[in-house]
Amino acid sequence: MAALFTNLLNDEHGFLVSAELVLVATIGVLAMIVGLSEVAFNVNNELEDVGSAFGKVSQSFQLDGSRGHKAQHGGSEFWDAADFCDGACDIQCGSSIDGEW
């Protein structure tokens, strides 16, 4: 039993493989962190573009009046004013807020 324990204590056959796996796993995790931060940045930019596109849609409409044989409709209209933050580049990632360093 003591000889088996001594053999297990002195056995270093798998050490090099496990060190390589730790190195590869570390590089893989670092690459994933960088990749996911870029994905998050680009998703924020695309969502800002979608929000700006919705803000640019003209919400005003006009329905002209109509007149038929026995009825008429005067029509209606609605005009929308520009909303706050309707422009592009309203969201800026990575910039500091006023008063913060």
C-alpha atoms as a PDB file:
ATOM      1  CA  MET A   1       0.000   0.000   0.000  1.00  0.00           C
ATOM      2  CA  ALA A   2       2.871   2.361   0.781  1.00  0.00           C
ATOM      3  CA  ALA A   3       4.491   1.559  -2.581  1.00  0.00           C
ATOM      4  CA  LEU A   4       1.255   2.450  -4.414  1.00  0.00           C
ATOM      5  CA  PHE A   5       0.980   5.760  -2.555  1.00  0.00           C
ATOM      6  CA  THR A   6       4.639   6.543  -3.315  1.00  0.00           C
ATOM      7  CA  ASN A   7       4.087   5.777  -7.016  1.00  0.00           C
ATOM      8  CA  LEU A   8       1.055   8.078  -7.125  1.00  0.00           C
ATOM      9  CA  LEU A   9       2.974  10.835  -5.331  1.00  0.00           C
ATOM     10  CA  ASN A  10       5.906  10.679  -7.762  1.00  0.00           C
ATOM     11  CA  ASP A  11       3.781  10.312 -10.929  1.00  0.00           C
ATOM     12  CA  GLU A  12       4.045  13.439 -13.147  1.00  0.00           C
ATOM     13  CA  HIS A  13       2.892  12.040 -16.503  1.00  0.00           C
ATOM     14  CA  GLY A  14      -0.229  14.245 -16.782  1.00  0.00           C
ATOM     15  CA  PHE A  15       1.294  17.476 -15.493  1.00  0.00           C
ATOM     16  CA  LEU A  16       2.363  18.880 -18.866  1.00  0.00           C
ATOM     17  CA  VAL A  17      -1.012  18.177 -20.486  1.00  0.00           C
ATOM     18  CA  SER A  18      -2.944  19.863 -17.674  1.00  0.00           C
ATOM     19  CA  ALA A  19      -0.640  22.933 -17.797  1.00  0.00           C
ATOM     20  CA  GLU A  20      -1.280  23.221 -21.538  1.00  0.00           C
ATOM     21  CA  LEU A  21      -5.025  22.920 -20.995  1.00  0.00           C
ATOM     22  CA  VAL A  22      -4.962  25.674 -18.368  1.00  0.00           C
ATOM     23  CA  LEU A  23      -3.051  27.942 -20.764  1.00  0.00           C
ATOM     24  CA  VAL A  24      -5.436  27.249 -23.660  1.00  0.00           C
ATOM     25  CA  ALA A  25      -8.483  27.743 -21.425  1.00  0.00           C
ATOM     26  CA  THR A  26      -7.106  31.053 -20.132  1.00  0.00           C
ATOM     27  CA  ILE A  27      -6.505  32.347 -23.657  1.00  0.00           C
ATOM     28  CA  GLY A  28      -9.973  31.179 -24.676  1.00  0.00           C
ATOM     29  CA  VAL A  29     -11.661  32.963 -21.766  1.00  0.00           C
ATOM     30  CA  LEU A  30      -9.771  36.187 -22.487  1.00  0.00           C
ATOM     31  CA  ALA A  31     -10.763  36.007 -26.148  1.00  0.00           C
ATOM     32  CA  MET A  32     -14.400  35.449 -25.168  1.00  0.00           C
ATOM     33  CA  ILE A  33     -14.359  38.472 -22.857  1.00  0.00           C
ATOM     34  CA  VAL A  34     -12.988  40.723 -25.599  1.00  0.00           C
ATOM     35  CA  GLY A  35     -15.406  39.305 -28.169  1.00  0.00           C
ATOM     36  CA  LEU A  36     -18.455  39.668 -25.937  1.00  0.00           C
ATOM     37  CA  SER A  37     -17.564  43.260 -25.038  1.00  0.00           C
ATOM     38  CA  GLU A  38     -17.404  44.078 -28.760  1.00  0.00           C
ATOM     39  CA  VAL A  39     -20.736  42.338 -29.320  1.00  0.00           C
ATOM     40  CA  ALA A  40     -22.321  44.341 -26.482  1.00  0.00           C
ATOM     41  CA  PHE A  41     -20.934  47.616 -27.871  1.00  0.00           C
ATOM     42  CA  ASN A  42     -22.227  46.884 -31.377  1.00  0.00           C
ATOM     43  CA  VAL A  43     -25.645  45.751 -30.123  1.00  0.00           C
ATOM     44  CA  ASN A  44     -25.975  49.047 -28.221  1.00  0.00           C
ATOM     45  CA  ASN A  45     -25.057  50.981 -31.366  1.00  0.00           C
ATOM     46  CA  GLU A  46     -27.592  49.081 -33.476  1.00  0.00           C
ATOM     47  CA  LEU A  47     -30.347  49.588 -30.892  1.00  0.00           C
ATOM     48  CA  GLU A  48     -29.546  53.308 -30.852  1.00  0.00           C
ATOM     49  CA  ASP A  49     -29.887  53.335 -34.658  1.00  0.00           C
ATOM     50  CA  VAL A  50     -33.250  51.573 -34.431  1.00  0.00           C
ATOM     51  CA  GLY A  51     -34.434  54.057 -31.798  1.00  0.00           C
ATOM     52  CA  SER A  52     -33.306  56.989 -33.941  1.00  0.00           C
ATOM     53  CA  ALA A  53     -35.107  55.500 -36.939  1.00  0.00           C
ATOM     54  CA  PHE A  54     -38.338  55.233 -34.958  1.00  0.00           C
ATOM     55  CA  GLY A  55     -37.876  58.828 -33.834  1.00  0.00           C
ATOM     56  CA  LYS A  56     -37.490  60.003 -37.427  1.00  0.00           C
ATOM     57  CA  VAL A  57     -40.758  58.417 -38.553  1.00  0.00           C
ATOM     58  CA  SER A  58     -43.287  61.140 -39.295  1.00  0.00           C
ATOM     59  CA  GLN A  59     -46.189  60.599 -36.955  1.00  0.00           C
ATOM     60  CA  SER A  60     -48.378  63.136 -38.653  1.00  0.00           C
ATOM     61  CA  PHE A  61     -51.176  61.976 -40.883  1.00  0.00           C
ATOM     62  CA  GLN A  62     -53.814  63.626 -42.952  1.00  0.00           C
ATOM     63  CA  LEU A  63     -57.066  62.146 -44.134  1.00  0.00           C
ATOM     64  CA  ASP A  64     -58.734  64.193 -46.795  1.00  0.00           C
ATOM     65  CA  GLY A  65     -62.457  64.625 -46.662  1.00  0.00           C
ATOM     66  CA  SER A  66     -64.709  62.637 -48.890  1.00  0.00           C
ATOM     67  CA  ARG A  67     -68.138  63.246 -50.272  1.00  0.00           C
ATOM     68  CA  GLY A  68     -70.467  60.630 -51.662  1.00  0.00           C
ATOM     69  CA  HIS A  69     -74.076  60.406 -52.735  1.00  0.00           C
ATOM     70  CA  LYS A  70     -75.693  60.881 -49.326  1.00  0.00           C
ATOM     71  CA  ALA A  71     -72.772  61.416 -46.878  1.00  0.00           C
ATOM     72  CA  GLN A  72     -69.643  63.428 -46.386  1.00  0.00           C
ATOM     73  CA  HIS A  73     -66.623  63.329 -44.106  1.00  0.00           C
ATOM     74  CA  GLY A  74     -64.665  66.442 -43.293  1.00  0.00           C
ATOM     75  CA  GLY A  75     -61.317  64.665 -42.808  1.00  0.00           C
ATOM     76  CA  SER A  76     -58.797  64.993 -40.017  1.00  0.00           C
ATOM     77  CA  GLU A  77     -55.129  65.713 -39.528  1.00  0.00           C
ATOM     78  CA  PHE A  78     -52.455  65.462 -36.857  1.00  0.00           C
ATOM     79  CA  TRP A  79     -48.993  67.040 -36.778  1.00  0.00           C
ATOM     80  CA  ASP A  80     -46.274  65.813 -34.473  1.00  0.00           C
ATOM     81  CA  ALA A  81     -43.550  68.035 -33.058  1.00  0.00           C
ATOM     82  CA  ALA A  82     -39.970  66.805 -32.679  1.00  0.00           C
ATOM     83  CA  ASP A  83     -39.385  64.778 -29.536  1.00  0.00           C
ATOM     84  CA  PHE A  84     -36.478  65.108 -27.139  1.00  0.00           C
ATOM     85  CA  CYS A  85     -33.500  62.961 -28.215  1.00  0.00           C
ATOM     86  CA  ASP A  86     -34.800  62.310 -31.735  1.00  0.00           C
ATOM     87  CA  GLY A  87     -31.386  62.749 -33.342  1.00  0.00           C
ATOM     88  CA  ALA A  88     -28.751  60.183 -34.162  1.00  0.00           C
ATOM     89  CA  CYS A  89     -25.867  59.514 -31.775  1.00  0.00           C
ATOM     90  CA  ASP A  90     -27.915  60.296 -28.668  1.00  0.00           C
ATOM     91  CA  ILE A  91     -26.418  57.317 -26.858  1.00  0.00           C
ATOM     92  CA  GLN A  92     -22.658  57.414 -26.479  1.00  0.00           C
ATOM     93  CA  CYS A  93     -21.004  54.363 -25.002  1.00  0.00           C
ATOM     94  CA  GLY A  94     -17.716  54.762 -23.190  1.00  0.00           C
ATOM     95  CA  SER A  95     -18.017  58.479 -22.472  1.00  0.00           C
ATOM     96  CA  SER A  96     -18.096  59.939 -18.982  1.00  0.00           C
ATOM     97  CA  ILE A  97     -21.123  61.696 -17.582  1.00  0.00           C
ATOM     98  CA  ASP A  98     -20.794  65.428 -16.871  1.00  0.00           C
ATOM     99  CA  GLY A  99     -19.182  65.912 -13.476  1.00  0.00           C
ATOM    100  CA  GLU A 100     -17.617  62.451 -13.337  1.00  0.00           C
ATOM    101  CA  TRP A 101     -13.975  61.700 -13.963  1.00  0.00           C
END
